[in-house]
Amino acid sequence: MDVLVVDDSRLARLELVEQLNHISGASLVGEAANIRQAKQQIESLKPDVVLLDINMPGGDGLELLAKIKARAPLMITMP
């Protein structure tokens, strides 16, 4: 399962990546710090799962879902 981590907090991304290292079959394919980067990486990497922070500067996870709804992978939102 290819996973993309999206969070504006570098520390939050580091924690999620560390947790992913303990999940058998999970493979980190990328990280994004904002909605623009996330959209680009979802389109290019086509991850199976996106761990997505809802509230970020410059846009939020719900706006991103609306932009990519036709190609949306499973999204897990986080506070």
Protein backbone atom coordinates (compact mmCIF):
# COMPACT_ATOMS: atom_id res chain seq x y z
CA MET A 1 0.00 0.00 0.00
CA ASP A 2 1.58 3.27 -1.17
CA VAL A 3 1.03 6.14 1.27
CA LEU A 4 1.36 9.91 0.83
CA VAL A 5 1.60 12.03 4.00
CA VAL A 6 0.20 15.58 3.81
CA ASP A 7 0.61 17.96 6.75
CA ASP A 8 1.93 21.51 7.08
CA SER A 9 3.69 20.53 10.32
CA ARG A 10 7.08 18.93 9.70
CA LEU A 11 6.94 17.28 13.13
CA ALA A 12 3.54 15.76 12.39
CA ARG A 13 4.85 14.36 9.10
CA LEU A 14 7.87 12.88 10.88
CA GLU A 15 5.62 11.19 13.45
CA LEU A 16 3.36 9.74 10.75
CA VAL A 17 6.33 8.46 8.77
CA GLU A 18 7.69 6.81 11.91
CA GLN A 19 4.34 5.13 12.55
CA LEU A 20 4.19 3.92 8.93
CA ASN A 21 7.52 2.17 9.43
CA HIS A 22 5.73 -0.20 11.83
CA ILE A 23 2.94 -1.15 9.44
CA SER A 24 3.64 -4.19 7.34
CA GLY A 25 2.91 -3.55 3.67
CA ALA A 26 2.84 0.24 4.00
CA SER A 27 5.32 2.14 1.88
CA LEU A 28 5.84 5.91 2.05
CA VAL A 29 5.86 7.28 -1.49
CA GLY A 30 5.92 10.97 -0.66
CA GLU A 31 5.28 13.88 1.65
CA ALA A 32 3.62 17.23 1.03
CA ALA A 33 3.52 20.34 3.20
CA ASN A 34 0.61 22.09 1.47
CA ILE A 35 -2.41 21.54 -0.74
CA ARG A 36 -0.62 22.48 -3.98
CA GLN A 37 2.15 19.94 -3.37
CA ALA A 38 -0.40 17.33 -2.30
CA LYS A 39 -2.43 17.71 -5.49
CA GLN A 40 0.70 17.41 -7.64
CA GLN A 41 1.91 14.34 -5.78
CA ILE A 42 -1.47 12.61 -5.81
CA GLU A 43 -1.64 13.08 -9.57
CA SER A 44 1.93 11.92 -10.22
CA LEU A 45 2.41 9.22 -7.57
CA LYS A 46 -1.15 7.83 -7.50
CA PRO A 47 -0.92 6.65 -3.87
CA ASP A 48 -3.33 4.10 -2.42
CA VAL A 49 -3.76 6.11 0.78
CA VAL A 50 -3.33 9.79 1.64
CA LEU A 51 -2.95 10.78 5.28
CA LEU A 52 -4.30 14.29 5.01
CA ASP A 53 -4.38 17.18 7.46
CA ILE A 54 -7.66 19.02 6.99
CA ASN A 55 -6.62 22.48 8.18
CA MET A 56 -3.58 23.92 6.40
CA PRO A 57 -2.52 27.38 5.21
CA GLY A 58 -3.51 28.07 1.63
CA GLY A 59 -6.39 25.62 1.55
CA ASP A 60 -7.79 22.64 3.33
CA GLY A 61 -8.16 18.93 2.79
CA LEU A 62 -11.82 19.19 1.87
CA GLU A 63 -11.00 21.61 -0.95
CA LEU A 64 -8.38 19.16 -2.17
CA LEU A 65 -10.90 16.32 -2.17
CA ALA A 66 -13.23 18.40 -4.34
CA LYS A 67 -10.42 19.08 -6.83
CA ILE A 68 -9.41 15.45 -7.25
CA LYS A 69 -12.71 13.67 -6.57
CA ALA A 70 -12.61 11.71 -9.83
CA ARG A 71 -9.21 10.24 -8.96
CA ALA A 72 -9.41 10.29 -5.19
CA PRO A 73 -7.55 7.59 -3.30
CA LEU A 74 -8.71 6.64 0.16
CA MET A 75 -8.35 9.75 2.33
CA ILE A 76 -7.91 9.67 6.07
CA THR A 77 -8.33 13.09 7.64
CA MET A 78 -6.55 14.09 10.79
CA PRO A 79 -7.03 16.97 13.24
